[in-house]
PDB file of N, CA and C in Angstrom:
ATOM      1  N   UNK A   1     -21.777 -24.541  38.673  1.00  0.00           N
ATOM      2  CA  UNK A   1     -21.666 -24.952  37.294  1.00  0.00           C
ATOM      3  C   UNK A   1     -20.765 -26.181  37.244  1.00  0.00           C
ATOM      4  N   UNK A   2     -21.207 -27.254  36.619  1.00  0.00           N
ATOM      5  CA  UNK A   2     -20.414 -28.473  36.562  1.00  0.00           C
ATOM      6  C   UNK A   2     -19.491 -28.463  35.362  1.00  0.00           C
ATOM      7  N   UNK A   3     -18.365 -29.109  35.546  1.00  0.00           N
ATOM      8  CA  UNK A   3     -17.390 -29.172  34.468  1.00  0.00           C
ATOM      9  C   UNK A   3     -17.720 -30.349  33.560  1.00  0.00           C
ATOM     10  N   UNK A   4     -17.383 -30.210  32.299  1.00  0.00           N
ATOM     11  CA  UNK A   4     -17.627 -31.299  31.363  1.00  0.00           C
ATOM     12  C   UNK A   4     -16.586 -32.382  31.553  1.00  0.00           C
ATOM     13  N   UNK A   5     -16.876 -33.571  31.037  1.00  0.00           N
ATOM     14  CA  UNK A   5     -15.949 -34.684  31.224  1.00  0.00           C
ATOM     15  C   UNK A   5     -14.646 -34.457  30.477  1.00  0.00           C
ATOM     16  N   UNK A   6     -14.693 -33.747  29.333  1.00  0.00           N
ATOM     17  CA  UNK A   6     -13.453 -33.512  28.583  1.00  0.00           C
ATOM     18  C   UNK A   6     -12.530 -32.560  29.327  1.00  0.00           C
ATOM     19  N   UNK A   7     -13.094 -31.549  29.999  1.00  0.00           N
ATOM     20  CA  UNK A   7     -12.233 -30.637  30.744  1.00  0.00           C
ATOM     21  C   UNK A   7     -11.672 -31.326  31.984  1.00  0.00           C
ATOM     22  N   UNK A   8     -12.465 -32.241  32.585  1.00  0.00           N
ATOM     23  CA  UNK A   8     -11.964 -32.978  33.742  1.00  0.00           C
ATOM     24  C   UNK A   8     -10.843 -33.922  33.335  1.00  0.00           C
ATOM     25  N   UNK A   9     -10.969 -34.563  32.174  1.00  0.00           N
ATOM     26  CA  UNK A   9      -9.919 -35.476  31.743  1.00  0.00           C
ATOM     27  C   UNK A   9      -8.657 -34.706  31.373  1.00  0.00           C
ATOM     28  N   UNK A  10      -8.809 -33.479  30.853  1.00  0.00           N
ATOM     29  CA  UNK A  10      -7.644 -32.659  30.538  1.00  0.00           C
ATOM     30  C   UNK A  10      -6.927 -32.233  31.809  1.00  0.00           C
ATOM     31  N   UNK A  11      -7.684 -31.995  32.881  1.00  0.00           N
ATOM     32  CA  UNK A  11      -7.072 -31.602  34.145  1.00  0.00           C
ATOM     33  C   UNK A  11      -6.323 -32.771  34.779  1.00  0.00           C
ATOM     34  N   UNK A  12      -6.790 -34.005  34.559  1.00  0.00           N
ATOM     35  CA  UNK A  12      -6.163 -35.172  35.165  1.00  0.00           C
ATOM     36  C   UNK A  12      -4.844 -35.518  34.490  1.00  0.00           C
ATOM     37  N   UNK A  13      -4.675 -35.117  33.240  1.00  0.00           N
ATOM     38  CA  UNK A  13      -3.441 -35.427  32.531  1.00  0.00           C
ATOM     39  C   UNK A  13      -2.287 -34.630  33.132  1.00  0.00           C
ATOM     40  N   UNK A  14      -1.118 -35.227  33.087  1.00  0.00           N
ATOM     41  CA  UNK A  14       0.060 -34.554  33.613  1.00  0.00           C
ATOM     42  C   UNK A  14       0.570 -33.496  32.649  1.00  0.00           C
ATOM     43  N   UNK A  15       1.534 -32.749  33.120  1.00  0.00           N
ATOM     44  CA  UNK A  15       2.123 -31.655  32.344  1.00  0.00           C
ATOM     45  C   UNK A  15       2.722 -32.167  31.037  1.00  0.00           C
ATOM     46  N   UNK A  16       3.533 -33.230  31.124  1.00  0.00           N
ATOM     47  CA  UNK A  16       4.202 -33.750  29.936  1.00  0.00           C
ATOM     48  C   UNK A  16       3.218 -34.425  28.984  1.00  0.00           C
ATOM     49  N   UNK A  17       2.164 -35.016  29.527  1.00  0.00           N
ATOM     50  CA  UNK A  17       1.143 -35.632  28.671  1.00  0.00           C
ATOM     51  C   UNK A  17       0.425 -34.563  27.857  1.00  0.00           C
ATOM     52  N   UNK A  18       0.168 -33.424  28.470  1.00  0.00           N
ATOM     53  CA  UNK A  18      -0.475 -32.332  27.730  1.00  0.00           C
ATOM     54  C   UNK A  18       0.452 -31.780  26.652  1.00  0.00           C
ATOM     55  N   UNK A  19       1.755 -31.701  26.948  1.00  0.00           N
ATOM     56  CA  UNK A  19       2.711 -31.235  25.945  1.00  0.00           C
ATOM     57  C   UNK A  19       2.763 -32.210  24.781  1.00  0.00           C
ATOM     58  N   UNK A  20       2.787 -33.507  25.057  1.00  0.00           N
ATOM     59  CA  UNK A  20       2.821 -34.516  23.993  1.00  0.00           C
ATOM     60  C   UNK A  20       1.548 -34.465  23.152  1.00  0.00           C
ATOM     61  N   UNK A  21       0.395 -34.269  23.810  1.00  0.00           N
ATOM     62  CA  UNK A  21      -0.860 -34.164  23.070  1.00  0.00           C
ATOM     63  C   UNK A  21      -0.826 -32.934  22.157  1.00  0.00           C
ATOM     64  N   UNK A  22      -0.298 -31.829  22.654  1.00  0.00           N
ATOM     65  CA  UNK A  22      -0.188 -30.617  21.849  1.00  0.00           C
ATOM     66  C   UNK A  22       0.711 -30.866  20.641  1.00  0.00           C
ATOM     67  N   UNK A  23       1.858 -31.504  20.856  1.00  0.00           N
ATOM     68  CA  UNK A  23       2.782 -31.771  19.751  1.00  0.00           C
ATOM     69  C   UNK A  23       2.155 -32.710  18.721  1.00  0.00           C
ATOM     70  N   UNK A  24       1.402 -33.715  19.170  1.00  0.00           N
ATOM     71  CA  UNK A  24       0.715 -34.599  18.228  1.00  0.00           C
ATOM     72  C   UNK A  24      -0.308 -33.824  17.404  1.00  0.00           C
ATOM     73  N   UNK A  25      -1.025 -32.903  18.036  1.00  0.00           N
ATOM     74  CA  UNK A  25      -2.004 -32.095  17.313  1.00  0.00           C
ATOM     75  C   UNK A  25      -1.321 -31.176  16.306  1.00  0.00           C
ATOM     76  N   UNK A  26      -0.163 -30.629  16.664  1.00  0.00           N
ATOM     77  CA  UNK A  26       0.591 -29.778  15.740  1.00  0.00           C
ATOM     78  C   UNK A  26       1.021 -30.585  14.524  1.00  0.00           C
ATOM     79  N   UNK A  27       1.528 -31.783  14.746  1.00  0.00           N
ATOM     80  CA  UNK A  27       1.964 -32.642  13.637  1.00  0.00           C
ATOM     81  C   UNK A  27       0.778 -32.998  12.748  1.00  0.00           C
ATOM     82  N   UNK A  28      -0.372 -33.316  13.353  1.00  0.00           N
ATOM     83  CA  UNK A  28      -1.570 -33.620  12.566  1.00  0.00           C
ATOM     84  C   UNK A  28      -1.984 -32.441  11.701  1.00  0.00           C
ATOM     85  N   UNK A  29      -1.918 -31.242  12.248  1.00  0.00           N
ATOM     86  CA  UNK A  29      -2.288 -30.054  11.476  1.00  0.00           C
ATOM     87  C   UNK A  29      -1.268 -29.768  10.378  1.00  0.00           C
ATOM     88  N   UNK A  30       0.015 -30.012  10.654  1.00  0.00           N
ATOM     89  CA  UNK A  30       1.042 -29.788   9.637  1.00  0.00           C
ATOM     90  C   UNK A  30       0.872 -30.737   8.451  1.00  0.00           C
ATOM     91  N   UNK A  31       0.340 -31.924   8.683  1.00  0.00           N
ATOM     92  CA  UNK A  31       0.082 -32.862   7.589  1.00  0.00           C
ATOM     93  C   UNK A  31      -1.013 -32.349   6.659  1.00  0.00           C
ATOM     94  N   UNK A  32      -1.881 -31.466   7.145  1.00  0.00           N
ATOM     95  CA  UNK A  32      -2.972 -30.927   6.342  1.00  0.00           C
ATOM     96  C   UNK A  32      -2.530 -29.766   5.461  1.00  0.00           C
ATOM     97  N   UNK A  33      -1.334 -29.223   5.718  1.00  0.00           N
ATOM     98  CA  UNK A  33      -0.856 -28.059   4.975  1.00  0.00           C
ATOM     99  C   UNK A  33      -0.563 -28.452   3.532  1.00  0.00           C
ATOM    100  N   UNK A  34      -1.050 -27.628   2.596  1.00  0.00           N
ATOM    101  CA  UNK A  34      -0.810 -27.864   1.173  1.00  0.00           C
ATOM    102  C   UNK A  34       0.169 -26.805   0.688  1.00  0.00           C
ATOM    103  N   UNK A  35       1.298 -27.244   0.168  1.00  0.00           N
ATOM    104  CA  UNK A  35       2.308 -26.330  -0.346  1.00  0.00           C
ATOM    105  C   UNK A  35       1.897 -25.868  -1.738  1.00  0.00           C
ATOM    106  N   UNK A  36       1.892 -24.550  -1.985  1.00  0.00           N
ATOM    107  CA  UNK A  36       1.491 -24.079  -3.315  1.00  0.00           C
ATOM    108  C   UNK A  36       2.535 -24.425  -4.368  1.00  0.00           C
ATOM    109  N   UNK A  37       2.061 -24.540  -5.600  1.00  0.00           N
ATOM    110  CA  UNK A  37       2.990 -24.773  -6.701  1.00  0.00           C
ATOM    111  C   UNK A  37       3.751 -23.484  -6.977  1.00  0.00           C
ATOM    112  N   UNK A  38       4.790 -23.584  -7.795  1.00  0.00           N
ATOM    113  CA  UNK A  38       5.592 -22.403  -8.128  1.00  0.00           C
ATOM    114  C   UNK A  38       4.725 -21.351  -8.829  1.00  0.00           C
ATOM    115  N   UNK A  39       3.849 -21.799  -9.724  1.00  0.00           N
ATOM    116  CA  UNK A  39       2.977 -20.876 -10.456  1.00  0.00           C
ATOM    117  C   UNK A  39       2.019 -20.150  -9.497  1.00  0.00           C
ATOM    118  N   UNK A  40       1.443 -20.893  -8.559  1.00  0.00           N
ATOM    119  CA  UNK A  40       0.543 -20.276  -7.576  1.00  0.00           C
ATOM    120  C   UNK A  40       1.300 -19.290  -6.690  1.00  0.00           C
ATOM    121  N   UNK A  41       2.510 -19.656  -6.306  1.00  0.00           N
ATOM    122  CA  UNK A  41       3.319 -18.790  -5.443  1.00  0.00           C
ATOM    123  C   UNK A  41       3.657 -17.477  -6.141  1.00  0.00           C
ATOM    124  N   UNK A  42       4.048 -17.568  -7.417  1.00  0.00           N
ATOM    125  CA  UNK A  42       4.367 -16.357  -8.182  1.00  0.00           C
ATOM    126  C   UNK A  42       3.122 -15.488  -8.337  1.00  0.00           C
ATOM    127  N   UNK A  43       1.979 -16.116  -8.610  1.00  0.00           N
ATOM    128  CA  UNK A  43       0.727 -15.373  -8.784  1.00  0.00           C
ATOM    129  C   UNK A  43       0.327 -14.664  -7.486  1.00  0.00           C
ATOM    130  N   UNK A  44       0.393 -15.380  -6.365  1.00  0.00           N
ATOM    131  CA  UNK A  44       0.025 -14.776  -5.075  1.00  0.00           C
ATOM    132  C   UNK A  44       0.990 -13.657  -4.684  1.00  0.00           C
ATOM    133  N   UNK A  45       2.278 -13.847  -4.972  1.00  0.00           N
ATOM    134  CA  UNK A  45       3.266 -12.810  -4.679  1.00  0.00           C
ATOM    135  C   UNK A  45       2.972 -11.554  -5.489  1.00  0.00           C
ATOM    136  N   UNK A  46       2.623 -11.731  -6.760  1.00  0.00           N
ATOM    137  CA  UNK A  46       2.264 -10.591  -7.609  1.00  0.00           C
ATOM    138  C   UNK A  46       1.048  -9.848  -7.079  1.00  0.00           C
ATOM    139  N   UNK A  47       0.047 -10.591  -6.654  1.00  0.00           N
ATOM    140  CA  UNK A  47      -1.166  -9.967  -6.099  1.00  0.00           C
ATOM    141  C   UNK A  47      -0.813  -9.156  -4.858  1.00  0.00           C
ATOM    142  N   UNK A  48       0.010  -9.713  -3.978  1.00  0.00           N
ATOM    143  CA  UNK A  48       0.407  -9.005  -2.755  1.00  0.00           C
ATOM    144  C   UNK A  48       1.184  -7.737  -3.086  1.00  0.00           C
ATOM    145  N   UNK A  49       2.121  -7.832  -4.026  1.00  0.00           N
ATOM    146  CA  UNK A  49       2.914  -6.658  -4.385  1.00  0.00           C
ATOM    147  C   UNK A  49       2.049  -5.557  -4.996  1.00  0.00           C
ATOM    148  N   UNK A  50       1.108  -5.927  -5.870  1.00  0.00           N
ATOM    149  CA  UNK A  50       0.207  -4.924  -6.454  1.00  0.00           C
ATOM    150  C   UNK A  50      -0.634  -4.270  -5.359  1.00  0.00           C
ATOM    151  N   UNK A  51      -1.145  -5.063  -4.438  1.00  0.00           N
ATOM    152  CA  UNK A  51      -1.939  -4.523  -3.339  1.00  0.00           C
ATOM    153  C   UNK A  51      -1.117  -3.561  -2.486  1.00  0.00           C
ATOM    154  N   UNK A  52       0.142  -3.923  -2.200  1.00  0.00           N
ATOM    155  CA  UNK A  52       1.011  -3.061  -1.393  1.00  0.00           C
ATOM    156  C   UNK A  52       1.265  -1.741  -2.121  1.00  0.00           C
ATOM    157  N   UNK A  53       1.508  -1.788  -3.427  1.00  0.00           N
ATOM    158  CA  UNK A  53       1.734  -0.557  -4.195  1.00  0.00           C
ATOM    159  C   UNK A  53       0.492   0.328  -4.173  1.00  0.00           C
ATOM    160  N   UNK A  54      -0.691  -0.276  -4.295  1.00  0.00           N
ATOM    161  CA  UNK A  54      -1.939   0.499  -4.238  1.00  0.00           C
ATOM    162  C   UNK A  54      -2.102   1.164  -2.877  1.00  0.00           C
ATOM    163  N   UNK A  55      -1.844   0.432  -1.803  1.00  0.00           N
ATOM    164  CA  UNK A  55      -1.983   0.998  -0.457  1.00  0.00           C
ATOM    165  C   UNK A  55      -0.958   2.106  -0.236  1.00  0.00           C
ATOM    166  N   UNK A  56       0.269   1.919  -0.736  1.00  0.00           N
ATOM    167  CA  UNK A  56       1.288   2.967  -0.608  1.00  0.00           C
ATOM    168  C   UNK A  56       0.819   4.228  -1.324  1.00  0.00           C
ATOM    169  N   UNK A  57       0.266   4.059  -2.528  1.00  0.00           N
ATOM    170  CA  UNK A  57      -0.251   5.215  -3.269  1.00  0.00           C
ATOM    171  C   UNK A  57      -1.382   5.914  -2.528  1.00  0.00           C
ATOM    172  N   UNK A  58      -2.298   5.139  -1.958  1.00  0.00           N
ATOM    173  CA  UNK A  58      -3.423   5.720  -1.211  1.00  0.00           C
ATOM    174  C   UNK A  58      -2.935   6.473   0.025  1.00  0.00           C
ATOM    175  N   UNK A  59      -2.020   5.880   0.770  1.00  0.00           N
ATOM    176  CA  UNK A  59      -1.501   6.535   1.978  1.00  0.00           C
ATOM    177  C   UNK A  59      -0.724   7.803   1.606  1.00  0.00           C
ATOM    178  N   UNK A  60       0.055   7.737   0.525  1.00  0.00           N
ATOM    179  CA  UNK A  60       0.801   8.926   0.076  1.00  0.00           C
ATOM    180  C   UNK A  60      -0.148  10.044  -0.326  1.00  0.00           C
ATOM    181  N   UNK A  61      -1.211   9.691  -1.041  1.00  0.00           N
ATOM    182  CA  UNK A  61      -2.204  10.692  -1.445  1.00  0.00           C
ATOM    183  C   UNK A  61      -2.871  11.329  -0.228  1.00  0.00           C
ATOM    184  N   UNK A  62      -3.275  10.505   0.730  1.00  0.00           N
ATOM    185  CA  UNK A  62      -3.895  11.044   1.939  1.00  0.00           C
ATOM    186  C   UNK A  62      -2.920  11.911   2.731  1.00  0.00           C
ATOM    187  N   UNK A  63      -1.662  11.517   2.798  1.00  0.00           N
ATOM    188  CA  UNK A  63      -0.650  12.311   3.488  1.00  0.00           C
ATOM    189  C   UNK A  63      -0.503  13.678   2.823  1.00  0.00           C
ATOM    190  N   UNK A  64      -0.458  13.680   1.498  1.00  0.00           N
ATOM    191  CA  UNK A  64      -0.331  14.946   0.759  1.00  0.00           C
ATOM    192  C   UNK A  64      -1.565  15.826   0.984  1.00  0.00           C
ATOM    193  N   UNK A  65      -2.770  15.208   0.928  1.00  0.00           N
ATOM    194  CA  UNK A  65      -3.997  15.984   1.137  1.00  0.00           C
ATOM    195  C   UNK A  65      -4.059  16.570   2.545  1.00  0.00           C
ATOM    196  N   UNK A  66      -3.752  15.768   3.560  1.00  0.00           N
ATOM    197  CA  UNK A  66      -3.783  16.272   4.934  1.00  0.00           C
ATOM    198  C   UNK A  66      -2.698  17.324   5.151  1.00  0.00           C
ATOM    199  N   UNK A  67      -1.550  17.158   4.511  1.00  0.00           N
ATOM    200  CA  UNK A  67      -0.497  18.170   4.608  1.00  0.00           C
ATOM    201  C   UNK A  67      -0.936  19.488   3.995  1.00  0.00           C
ATOM    202  N   UNK A  68      -1.604  19.417   2.839  1.00  0.00           N
ATOM    203  CA  UNK A  68      -2.124  20.632   2.198  1.00  0.00           C
ATOM    204  C   UNK A  68      -3.200  21.281   3.076  1.00  0.00           C
ATOM    205  N   UNK A  69      -4.046  20.451   3.671  1.00  0.00           N
ATOM    206  CA  UNK A  69      -5.084  20.977   4.563  1.00  0.00           C
ATOM    207  C   UNK A  69      -4.486  21.642   5.789  1.00  0.00           C
ATOM    208  N   UNK A  70      -3.455  21.048   6.371  1.00  0.00           N
ATOM    209  CA  UNK A  70      -2.802  21.633   7.538  1.00  0.00           C
ATOM    210  C   UNK A  70      -2.122  22.945   7.171  1.00  0.00           C
ATOM    211  N   UNK A  71      -1.494  22.985   5.985  1.00  0.00           N
ATOM    212  CA  UNK A  71      -0.870  24.231   5.530  1.00  0.00           C
ATOM    213  C   UNK A  71      -1.911  25.325   5.333  1.00  0.00           C
ATOM    214  N   UNK A  72      -3.075  24.946   4.829  1.00  0.00           N
ATOM    215  CA  UNK A  72      -4.138  25.925   4.600  1.00  0.00           C
ATOM    216  C   UNK A  72      -4.696  26.437   5.925  1.00  0.00           C
ATOM    217  N   UNK A  73      -4.882  25.527   6.897  1.00  0.00           N
ATOM    218  CA  UNK A  73      -5.464  25.915   8.181  1.00  0.00           C
ATOM    219  C   UNK A  73      -4.465  26.706   9.019  1.00  0.00           C
ATOM    220  N   UNK A  74      -3.250  26.246   9.124  1.00  0.00           N
ATOM    221  CA  UNK A  74      -2.277  26.850  10.021  1.00  0.00           C
ATOM    222  C   UNK A  74      -1.322  27.809   9.323  1.00  0.00           C
ATOM    223  N   UNK A  75      -1.378  27.896   8.021  1.00  0.00           N
ATOM    224  CA  UNK A  75      -0.498  28.780   7.280  1.00  0.00           C
ATOM    225  C   UNK A  75       0.804  28.070   6.952  1.00  0.00           C
ATOM    226  N   UNK A  76       1.535  28.638   6.060  1.00  0.00           N
ATOM    227  CA  UNK A  76       2.796  28.049   5.615  1.00  0.00           C
ATOM    228  C   UNK A  76       3.861  28.245   6.683  1.00  0.00           C
ATOM    229  N   UNK A  77       4.745  27.271   6.825  1.00  0.00           N
ATOM    230  CA  UNK A  77       5.825  27.383   7.813  1.00  0.00           C
ATOM    231  C   UNK A  77       7.127  27.789   7.149  1.00  0.00           C
ATOM    232  N   UNK A  78       7.077  28.369   5.935  1.00  0.00           N
ATOM    233  CA  UNK A  78       8.290  28.770   5.224  1.00  0.00           C
ATOM    234  C   UNK A  78       8.977  29.930   5.920  1.00  0.00           C
ATOM    235  N   UNK A  79       8.243  30.798   6.598  1.00  0.00           N
ATOM    236  CA  UNK A  79       8.828  31.989   7.205  1.00  0.00           C
ATOM    237  C   UNK A  79       9.523  31.716   8.523  1.00  0.00           C
ATOM    238  N   UNK A  80       9.399  30.534   9.086  1.00  0.00           N
ATOM    239  CA  UNK A  80      10.017  30.234  10.374  1.00  0.00           C
ATOM    240  C   UNK A  80      11.378  29.828  10.143  1.00  0.00           C
TER     241      UNK A  80
END
């Protein structure tokens, strides 16, 4: 299987040249980042918090149901 020219050119570059290329690519990508406005940030934070509360409620409900099921199957552990 033959190697492509881009992979061969990447192999020819030195260690520090590859690090510099990586850092340039990181800087280029950071320039594309869009910072949300305060209103967007508050809205997204609210959505995340509501979602977390819903998941906590669901997990708590399932924990209670499985606990009740285990008590029913194995009997109550109050006498131990």
